[in-house]
Amino acid sequence: MKPIAKVENLSKLYRLGNRAAPETTLKEALGKILRSPLDVFSRRKQSERKTFWALRNVSFEAMPGEVVGIIGRNGAGKSTLLKILSRVTQPTGGQIDLYGRTNSLLEVGTGFHPELTGRENIFINGAILGMKRAEIKRRFDEIVAFAGIDEFLDTAVKHYSSGMYARLAFSVAAHLDSEILIIDEVLSVGDAEFQKKCLGKVTDAARAGRTIFFVSHNMAAIENLCRRGIVLEKGEVTFIGKQTEAISHYLAKTDKNLRMDFSGRTDRAGSGEVRVTAVEIRDARGATITTAASGQDVDICFHFETQPDFRKKNVTMGFMVRTYLDAPVFLQHNRLTRDQWNAALPPRGIFVCRIRRLPLPPSSFRLGFSVMCDDEYLDRIDDAGELIVTDGDFYGSGEVPPLTHGCCLVDAEWRLLDSGAAEIFAAKKAELET
């Protein structure tokens, strides 16, 4: 099978700073050179120094039906790469071969006119994206239903909320038929429910055999949508391989805050008698870590402060781990483990929860917490931060299923019974039941 996309030694050079205004005539240009030749030479050298390689010698291939995740820090060159693949900008060097119709979801809503209705903008935006009028008519009902703006279809889009605008824009772009789909962070549009629909639409496109290049800072989305990953760093490819390995490579080189600080958070509930000020993750030795590995013993540490007159006892500290699609994975609090504190809390301290053999596959999970006393919330933040889990040897076999096969890992043991042992096994069961 031949690749549907092939990139060889792709490079993109940008010149930084303001360029000097060009001379209007040959006489003016020669006059400046004669008056100050050294100044002209100096300005030329300075211009040569003010350059920036957004991409340098990038090479990779993609097969038909393959979903490739492109990850890297801000400024790594991800968006530049997608713009070149989309023919929005031209490369400085290298070659790109794309064998199929290409659709790009780079900036949803490009071409929308605020004075026109949603209906009119569907046809205009569809035409900009390369759809024929007959194709737009055929997909019109699907576009409207997906966007969920039926009753506002004949209203000028300038009256739309930002969420409605984003939903309609994504819906138009997502319904364009193409062999190659290029996506840049569009799963962040709209509310949580619509983001799930976007994810489902992209998943359907992948299942239909479309080749997808997907850029996102959401490592869980990269892991679930993609099977291969490309890591960019300062415009160069530092890793190409399995998506979980690409994520681990990226996270290992990413500088993250070792401690999630909540002292300034305003999106919290509760009486405020106790406030969690920060959360950090530590390994079994007590060292603060940025990521945890599957099967690793970790401590989730909640730093807290209490009001001066706080004297309540039997406080419950708990946290919830969810997937990026908001599905609960597990809940943990000290009542479940019978670790109750009958004394009043100190003015400052740390709640520490030891999780033995972290039962999570490699992915990014959402972390929320709450502090309660007598069914009353003292402090609560539902979306406090991320728990990033990387590859680990949970089973001791060197194999850990990905998140697509389940959001938790189960410690188990298998046995094979021959016919004689099976009869004994069945007899014991019958004896217990009687």
Protein backbone atom coordinates (compact mmCIF):
# COMPACT_ATOMS: atom_id res chain seq x y z
CA MET A 1 0.00 0.00 0.00
CA LYS A 2 1.34 3.42 -0.96
CA PRO A 3 1.27 6.36 1.47
CA ILE A 4 -1.48 8.92 1.00
CA ALA A 5 0.74 11.68 2.41
CA LYS A 6 4.49 12.01 2.16
CA VAL A 7 6.58 14.83 3.66
CA GLU A 8 10.31 15.10 2.93
CA ASN A 9 12.76 17.55 4.53
CA LEU A 10 10.05 20.16 5.07
CA SER A 11 11.35 23.52 6.35
CA LYS A 12 9.81 26.91 6.99
CA LEU A 13 11.81 30.07 7.68
CA TYR A 14 10.25 33.27 9.00
CA ARG A 15 11.92 36.66 9.13
CA LEU A 16 11.32 38.49 12.39
CA GLY A 17 10.94 42.23 13.00
CA ASN A 18 9.76 45.05 10.79
CA ARG A 19 11.20 45.17 7.33
CA ALA A 20 12.59 48.47 6.14
CA ALA A 21 10.44 50.36 3.64
CA PRO A 22 11.68 49.70 0.10
CA GLU A 23 13.13 52.51 -1.97
CA THR A 24 10.67 53.69 -4.56
CA THR A 25 13.17 54.23 -7.38
CA LEU A 26 16.52 52.86 -8.51
CA LYS A 27 18.00 56.35 -8.08
CA GLU A 28 16.94 56.45 -4.39
CA ALA A 29 18.38 53.00 -3.76
CA LEU A 30 21.73 53.85 -5.39
CA GLY A 31 21.82 57.15 -3.54
CA LYS A 32 21.48 55.44 -0.16
CA ILE A 33 24.21 52.96 -1.02
CA LEU A 34 26.60 55.71 -2.11
CA ARG A 35 25.85 57.87 0.93
CA SER A 36 26.22 55.11 3.49
CA PRO A 37 27.37 51.77 2.10
CA LEU A 38 28.38 50.47 5.53
CA ASP A 39 24.93 51.22 6.93
CA VAL A 40 23.25 49.30 4.13
CA PHE A 41 25.59 46.35 4.74
CA SER A 42 24.87 46.49 8.48
CA ARG A 43 21.13 46.53 7.96
CA ARG A 44 21.40 43.58 5.60
CA LYS A 45 23.38 41.53 8.12
CA GLN A 46 20.93 42.46 10.87
CA SER A 47 18.02 41.34 8.69
CA GLU A 48 19.80 38.04 8.07
CA ARG A 49 20.16 37.49 11.80
CA LYS A 50 16.46 38.11 12.50
CA THR A 51 15.20 34.80 11.22
CA PHE A 52 13.34 31.92 12.82
CA TRP A 53 13.05 28.34 11.62
CA ALA A 54 9.51 27.27 12.49
CA LEU A 55 10.20 23.88 10.87
CA ARG A 56 13.45 22.27 9.86
CA ASN A 57 13.94 19.02 7.91
CA VAL A 58 10.63 17.43 8.92
CA SER A 59 9.95 14.09 7.23
CA PHE A 60 7.20 11.47 7.69
CA GLU A 61 4.62 9.41 5.85
CA ALA A 62 0.96 8.55 6.51
CA MET A 63 -0.94 5.60 5.12
CA PRO A 64 -4.60 5.65 3.99
CA GLY A 65 -6.92 5.46 7.02
CA GLU A 66 -4.16 6.30 9.49
CA VAL A 67 -4.78 8.81 12.30
CA VAL A 68 -1.61 10.67 13.21
CA GLY A 69 -1.34 12.84 16.31
CA ILE A 70 1.06 15.79 16.22
CA ILE A 71 2.09 17.00 19.66
CA GLY A 72 4.53 19.47 21.09
CA ARG A 73 4.78 22.58 23.23
CA ASN A 74 3.52 25.98 22.10
CA GLY A 75 5.86 27.24 19.40
CA ALA A 76 7.05 23.76 18.43
CA GLY A 77 5.80 24.21 14.85
CA LYS A 78 2.58 22.16 14.96
CA SER A 79 0.25 24.79 13.50
CA THR A 80 2.85 25.81 10.92
CA LEU A 81 3.07 22.20 9.77
CA LEU A 82 -0.71 21.93 9.42
CA LYS A 83 -0.92 25.22 7.52
CA ILE A 84 1.68 23.97 5.06
CA LEU A 85 -0.15 20.64 4.69
CA SER A 86 -3.35 22.63 4.08
CA ARG A 87 -1.63 24.83 1.44
CA VAL A 88 -2.39 27.92 3.53
CA THR A 89 1.29 28.84 3.52
CA GLN A 90 4.23 27.75 1.39
CA PRO A 91 7.30 25.96 2.76
CA THR A 92 10.80 27.41 2.50
CA GLY A 93 12.17 24.03 1.51
CA GLY A 94 11.21 20.40 1.18
CA GLN A 95 8.42 18.57 -0.56
CA ILE A 96 4.84 17.53 0.26
CA ASP A 97 2.82 14.97 -1.68
CA LEU A 98 -0.87 14.53 -0.77
CA TYR A 99 -2.82 11.98 -2.82
CA GLY A 100 -6.45 12.87 -2.10
CA ARG A 101 -8.92 15.66 -1.43
CA THR A 102 -7.89 17.56 1.69
CA ASN A 103 -10.09 19.34 4.23
CA SER A 104 -8.68 21.51 7.01
CA LEU A 105 -10.25 22.44 10.35
CA LEU A 106 -7.71 25.05 11.39
CA GLU A 107 -9.77 28.10 12.30
CA VAL A 108 -13.45 27.22 12.42
CA GLY A 109 -15.70 29.98 11.17
CA THR A 110 -13.31 31.52 8.66
CA GLY A 111 -15.50 33.23 6.07
CA PHE A 112 -18.61 33.64 8.24
CA HIS A 113 -20.39 36.95 7.66
CA PRO A 114 -21.98 38.37 10.84
CA GLU A 115 -24.84 40.09 8.98
CA LEU A 116 -25.95 36.92 7.18
CA THR A 117 -28.12 34.19 8.67
CA GLY A 118 -26.93 30.78 9.72
CA ARG A 119 -28.57 29.30 6.63
CA GLU A 120 -26.76 31.70 4.30
CA ASN A 121 -23.43 31.20 6.05
CA ILE A 122 -23.69 27.44 5.68
CA PHE A 123 -23.70 27.82 1.89
CA ILE A 124 -21.01 30.51 1.85
CA ASN A 125 -18.69 28.73 4.27
CA GLY A 126 -19.25 25.40 2.55
CA ALA A 127 -18.27 26.96 -0.78
CA ILE A 128 -15.11 28.45 0.77
CA LEU A 129 -14.20 24.99 2.06
CA GLY A 130 -14.62 23.51 -1.43
CA MET A 131 -18.11 22.01 -1.26
CA LYS A 132 -20.33 22.22 -4.34
CA ARG A 133 -23.83 23.68 -3.91
CA ALA A 134 -25.44 20.30 -4.60
CA GLU A 135 -23.24 18.72 -1.94
CA ILE A 136 -24.17 21.42 0.59
CA LYS A 137 -27.88 20.89 -0.12
CA ARG A 138 -27.48 17.15 0.32
CA ARG A 139 -25.72 17.55 3.67
CA PHE A 140 -27.69 20.61 4.84
CA ASP A 141 -30.03 18.82 7.26
CA GLU A 142 -27.12 16.87 8.78
CA ILE A 143 -25.13 20.08 9.29
CA VAL A 144 -28.03 21.84 11.01
CA ALA A 145 -28.90 18.84 13.19
CA PHE A 146 -25.29 18.37 14.26
CA ALA A 147 -24.90 22.06 15.14
CA GLY A 148 -28.20 22.08 17.07
CA ILE A 149 -29.22 25.57 15.91
CA ASP A 150 -32.49 24.69 14.16
CA GLU A 151 -34.62 27.49 15.63
CA PHE A 152 -31.93 30.12 15.00
CA LEU A 153 -31.18 29.06 11.43
CA ASP A 154 -32.65 32.22 9.89
CA THR A 155 -31.15 34.58 12.47
CA ALA A 156 -28.05 36.66 11.68
CA VAL A 157 -24.99 34.98 13.19
CA LYS A 158 -23.97 38.25 14.87
CA HIS A 159 -26.72 37.45 17.39
CA TYR A 160 -25.34 33.95 18.06
CA SER A 161 -23.52 33.13 21.27
CA SER A 162 -19.87 32.16 20.86
CA GLY A 163 -20.82 28.52 21.47
CA MET A 164 -23.51 28.54 18.77
CA TYR A 165 -21.12 30.19 16.33
CA ALA A 166 -18.43 27.58 17.01
CA ARG A 167 -20.90 24.68 16.73
CA LEU A 168 -22.16 25.82 13.34
CA ALA A 169 -18.66 26.50 12.03
CA PHE A 170 -17.37 23.08 13.09
CA SER A 171 -20.45 21.34 11.73
CA VAL A 172 -20.02 22.85 8.25
CA ALA A 173 -16.34 21.94 8.11
CA ALA A 174 -16.81 18.46 9.54
CA HIS A 175 -19.34 17.44 6.88
CA LEU A 176 -17.02 18.04 3.95
CA ASP A 177 -16.12 14.73 2.32
CA SER A 178 -12.37 14.28 1.86
CA GLU A 179 -9.70 11.61 1.96
CA ILE A 180 -7.41 13.67 4.23
CA LEU A 181 -8.62 15.62 7.26
CA ILE A 182 -6.35 18.14 9.03
CA ILE A 183 -7.45 19.21 12.51
CA ASP A 184 -5.92 21.82 14.82
CA GLU A 185 -7.38 21.95 18.37
CA VAL A 186 -10.99 22.14 17.17
CA LEU A 187 -12.18 19.74 19.88
CA SER A 188 -12.01 22.68 22.27
CA VAL A 189 -14.97 24.45 20.64
CA GLY A 190 -18.38 24.66 22.30
CA ASP A 191 -19.50 23.14 25.56
CA ALA A 192 -18.62 19.73 26.98
CA GLU A 193 -21.56 17.98 25.29
CA PHE A 194 -20.68 19.37 21.88
CA GLN A 195 -17.02 18.49 22.36
CA LYS A 196 -18.12 14.87 22.76
CA LYS A 197 -20.03 15.16 19.48
CA CYS A 198 -16.93 16.60 17.81
CA LEU A 199 -14.85 13.73 19.12
CA GLY A 200 -17.42 11.25 17.86
CA LYS A 201 -17.45 12.87 14.44
CA VAL A 202 -13.67 12.67 14.16
CA THR A 203 -13.79 9.04 15.35
CA ASP A 204 -16.38 8.24 12.65
CA ALA A 205 -14.14 9.84 10.04
CA ALA A 206 -11.25 7.65 11.17
CA ARG A 207 -13.41 4.52 11.04
CA ALA A 208 -14.51 5.46 7.54
CA GLY A 209 -10.90 5.20 6.43
CA ARG A 210 -10.01 8.88 6.19
CA THR A 211 -6.44 9.86 6.94
CA ILE A 212 -6.35 12.37 9.79
CA PHE A 213 -3.62 14.67 11.06
CA PHE A 214 -4.64 15.81 14.53
CA VAL A 215 -3.03 18.47 16.71
CA SER A 216 -4.12 18.79 20.33
CA HIS A 217 -2.76 19.48 23.81
CA ASN A 218 -5.28 16.94 25.14
CA MET A 219 -3.15 13.82 25.52
CA ALA A 220 -6.19 11.64 26.23
CA ALA A 221 -7.76 12.69 22.92
CA ILE A 222 -4.47 11.99 21.13
CA GLU A 223 -4.30 8.54 22.70
CA ASN A 224 -7.88 7.63 21.86
CA LEU A 225 -8.06 9.03 18.33
CA CYS A 226 -4.56 8.26 17.09
CA ARG A 227 -2.48 5.17 16.63
CA ARG A 228 0.75 6.95 15.76
CA GLY A 229 2.30 10.13 17.12
CA ILE A 230 4.80 12.71 15.90
CA VAL A 231 6.53 14.87 18.51
CA LEU A 232 7.83 18.27 17.43
CA GLU A 233 10.33 20.30 19.41
CA LYS A 234 11.63 23.67 18.19
CA GLY A 235 10.56 22.87 14.65
CA GLU A 236 12.22 19.45 14.46
CA VAL A 237 10.85 15.92 14.77
CA THR A 238 12.15 14.29 17.95
CA PHE A 239 10.01 11.15 17.89
CA ILE A 240 7.78 9.16 15.53
CA GLY A 241 6.07 6.00 16.75
CA LYS A 242 3.19 4.49 18.70
CA GLN A 243 0.93 7.16 20.17
CA THR A 244 1.42 6.11 23.80
CA GLU A 245 5.19 6.17 23.37
CA ALA A 246 4.96 9.58 21.69
CA ILE A 247 2.92 10.92 24.62
CA SER A 248 5.43 9.55 27.12
CA HIS A 249 8.28 11.09 25.14
CA TYR A 250 6.51 14.46 25.07
CA LEU A 251 5.54 14.47 28.75
CA ALA A 252 9.03 13.47 29.82
CA LYS A 253 10.37 16.67 28.24
CA THR A 254 7.54 19.00 29.23
CA ASP A 255 8.11 21.38 32.12
CA LYS A 256 4.98 21.27 34.24
CA ASN A 257 4.12 22.81 37.55
CA LEU A 258 5.00 20.26 40.19
CA ARG A 259 2.23 21.63 42.35
CA MET A 260 -1.31 22.63 41.37
CA ASP A 261 -1.97 25.91 43.16
CA PHE A 262 -5.58 26.72 44.08
CA SER A 263 -5.06 29.72 46.34
CA GLY A 264 -6.49 32.05 43.71
CA ARG A 265 -9.28 29.84 42.34
CA THR A 266 -12.75 31.38 42.37
CA ASP A 267 -14.66 28.47 40.80
CA ARG A 268 -15.08 26.66 44.10
CA ALA A 269 -17.99 25.87 46.39
CA GLY A 270 -18.29 25.39 50.14
CA SER A 271 -18.33 27.43 53.33
CA GLY A 272 -14.63 28.26 53.11
CA GLU A 273 -13.89 27.05 56.65
CA VAL A 274 -11.29 24.76 55.08
CA ARG A 275 -9.50 25.64 51.85
CA VAL A 276 -7.32 23.33 49.78
CA THR A 277 -4.47 25.55 48.61
CA ALA A 278 -2.54 23.11 46.43
CA VAL A 279 -2.35 19.52 45.24
CA GLU A 280 0.81 17.63 44.41
CA ILE A 281 1.63 14.06 43.48
CA ARG A 282 4.55 12.28 45.14
CA ASP A 283 6.16 8.92 44.58
CA ALA A 284 6.68 6.38 47.35
CA ARG A 285 9.97 8.05 48.35
CA GLY A 286 8.22 11.40 48.85
CA ALA A 287 9.61 13.13 45.74
CA THR A 288 7.17 15.36 43.84
CA ILE A 289 6.50 14.02 40.33
CA THR A 290 4.83 15.48 37.25
CA THR A 291 3.46 12.19 35.94
CA ALA A 292 2.61 8.85 37.50
CA ALA A 293 3.14 5.45 35.91
CA SER A 294 0.60 2.66 35.73
CA GLY A 295 1.19 0.32 38.68
CA GLN A 296 3.25 2.87 40.63
CA ASP A 297 2.61 3.65 44.30
CA VAL A 298 1.72 7.33 44.52
CA ASP A 299 0.61 9.81 47.17
CA ILE A 300 -2.03 12.40 46.29
CA CYS A 301 -1.31 15.30 48.64
CA PHE A 302 -3.87 18.02 49.39
CA HIS A 303 -2.39 21.03 51.17
CA PHE A 304 -4.99 22.88 53.23
CA GLU A 305 -5.60 25.79 55.58
CA THR A 306 -8.44 26.30 58.10
CA GLN A 307 -10.09 29.42 59.44
CA PRO A 308 -8.81 30.49 62.90
CA ASP A 309 -12.03 29.53 64.70
CA PHE A 310 -12.54 26.17 62.94
CA ARG A 311 -13.11 23.41 65.52
CA LYS A 312 -15.24 20.83 63.68
CA LYS A 313 -14.24 17.16 63.81
CA ASN A 314 -14.72 14.13 61.56
CA VAL A 315 -13.83 16.00 58.36
CA THR A 316 -13.96 13.95 55.16
CA MET A 317 -11.43 14.55 52.40
CA GLY A 318 -12.19 12.99 49.04
CA PHE A 319 -11.38 13.21 45.36
CA MET A 320 -12.85 11.98 42.09
CA VAL A 321 -10.92 10.87 39.02
CA ARG A 322 -12.71 11.20 35.67
CA THR A 323 -11.83 10.65 32.03
CA TYR A 324 -11.57 13.62 29.66
CA LEU A 325 -15.11 12.72 28.51
CA ASP A 326 -16.29 13.26 32.10
CA ALA A 327 -16.90 9.57 32.83
CA PRO A 328 -16.20 8.71 36.50
CA VAL A 329 -13.29 6.32 37.00
CA PHE A 330 -13.12 6.11 40.78
CA LEU A 331 -13.95 7.99 43.97
CA GLN A 332 -11.76 7.88 47.06
CA HIS A 333 -12.27 9.43 50.50
CA ASN A 334 -11.05 8.62 53.99
CA ARG A 335 -14.40 7.17 55.19
CA LEU A 336 -14.09 4.38 52.62
CA THR A 337 -10.80 3.29 54.17
CA ARG A 338 -11.99 3.92 57.76
CA ASP A 339 -9.23 6.47 58.25
CA GLN A 340 -11.27 8.97 60.23
CA TRP A 341 -9.93 11.94 62.16
CA ASN A 342 -11.75 12.49 65.42
CA ALA A 343 -9.67 15.52 66.41
CA ALA A 344 -9.95 19.02 64.97
CA LEU A 345 -7.77 19.87 62.00
CA PRO A 346 -4.56 21.88 62.48
CA PRO A 347 -4.41 25.42 61.05
CA ARG A 348 -2.31 24.10 58.17
CA GLY A 349 -1.62 20.59 57.02
CA ILE A 350 -1.71 18.01 54.24
CA PHE A 351 -4.26 15.29 53.51
CA VAL A 352 -2.30 12.39 51.98
CA CYS A 353 -3.93 9.50 50.12
CA ARG A 354 -1.65 6.59 49.21
CA ILE A 355 -2.78 4.79 46.05
CA ARG A 356 -1.09 1.43 45.76
CA ARG A 357 -0.28 0.18 42.28
CA LEU A 358 -2.06 2.99 40.44
CA PRO A 359 -4.77 1.12 38.47
CA LEU A 360 -5.00 3.51 35.52
CA PRO A 361 -3.85 3.08 31.90
CA PRO A 362 -1.64 5.72 30.26
CA SER A 363 -3.75 8.83 29.64
CA SER A 364 -4.73 12.21 31.08
CA PHE A 365 -7.43 12.16 33.73
CA ARG A 366 -9.37 14.97 35.38
CA LEU A 367 -9.07 15.43 39.13
CA GLY A 368 -11.67 17.03 41.38
CA PHE A 369 -11.83 17.19 45.18
CA SER A 370 -14.09 18.07 48.08
CA VAL A 371 -13.78 18.61 51.83
CA MET A 372 -16.92 17.84 53.85
CA CYS A 373 -18.21 17.73 57.40
CA ASP A 374 -21.69 16.44 58.34
CA ASP A 375 -22.85 16.48 54.69
CA GLU A 376 -21.78 20.12 54.31
CA TYR A 377 -19.18 21.18 51.78
CA LEU A 378 -16.31 23.10 53.32
CA ASP A 379 -14.43 23.30 50.01
CA ARG A 380 -14.96 21.84 46.55
CA ILE A 381 -13.46 22.19 43.06
CA ASP A 382 -14.82 19.79 40.46
CA ASP A 383 -12.17 20.40 37.81
CA ALA A 384 -9.02 20.99 39.83
CA GLY A 385 -6.39 19.74 37.40
CA GLU A 386 -4.92 16.78 35.54
CA LEU A 387 -3.59 13.45 36.70
CA ILE A 388 -1.23 12.37 33.92
CA VAL A 389 -0.48 8.67 33.77
CA THR A 390 2.30 7.23 31.62
CA ASP A 391 3.27 3.70 30.63
CA GLY A 392 4.12 1.43 33.54
CA ASP A 393 4.34 -2.29 34.17
CA PHE A 394 1.13 -2.76 36.18
CA TYR A 395 0.87 -6.51 35.48
CA GLY A 396 4.58 -7.23 35.49
CA SER A 397 4.20 -8.55 31.95
CA GLY A 398 5.34 -5.46 30.08
CA GLU A 399 1.86 -5.00 28.61
CA VAL A 400 -0.79 -2.45 29.67
CA PRO A 401 -4.06 -2.06 27.71
CA PRO A 402 -4.70 1.48 26.38
CA LEU A 403 -7.56 3.68 27.61
CA THR A 404 -9.63 2.63 24.59
CA HIS A 405 -9.89 -0.84 26.18
CA GLY A 406 -11.04 0.37 29.59
CA CYS A 407 -10.44 3.21 32.00
CA CYS A 408 -9.02 1.13 34.85
CA LEU A 409 -6.68 -1.80 35.37
CA VAL A 410 -7.76 -4.83 37.43
CA ASP A 411 -5.42 -6.99 39.47
CA ALA A 412 -6.45 -10.55 38.61
CA GLU A 413 -5.23 -14.12 38.38
CA TRP A 414 -6.07 -16.77 35.77
CA ARG A 415 -6.17 -20.55 36.15
CA LEU A 416 -6.66 -23.38 33.69
CA LEU A 417 -8.53 -26.42 35.00
CA ASP A 418 -8.38 -29.82 33.36
CA SER A 419 -11.45 -32.06 33.39
CA GLY A 420 -10.66 -33.58 36.78
CA ALA A 421 -9.98 -30.23 38.45
CA ALA A 422 -13.09 -28.80 36.81
CA GLU A 423 -15.23 -31.53 38.40
CA ILE A 424 -13.74 -30.76 41.83
CA PHE A 425 -14.34 -27.06 41.23
CA ALA A 426 -17.98 -27.70 40.31
CA ALA A 427 -18.46 -30.00 43.33
CA LYS A 428 -17.18 -27.32 45.70
CA LYS A 429 -19.57 -24.80 44.14
CA ALA A 430 -22.52 -27.19 44.54
CA GLU A 431 -21.55 -27.86 48.17
CA LEU A 432 -21.46 -24.13 48.95
CA GLU A 433 -24.82 -23.53 47.29
CA THR A 434 -26.49 -26.23 49.36
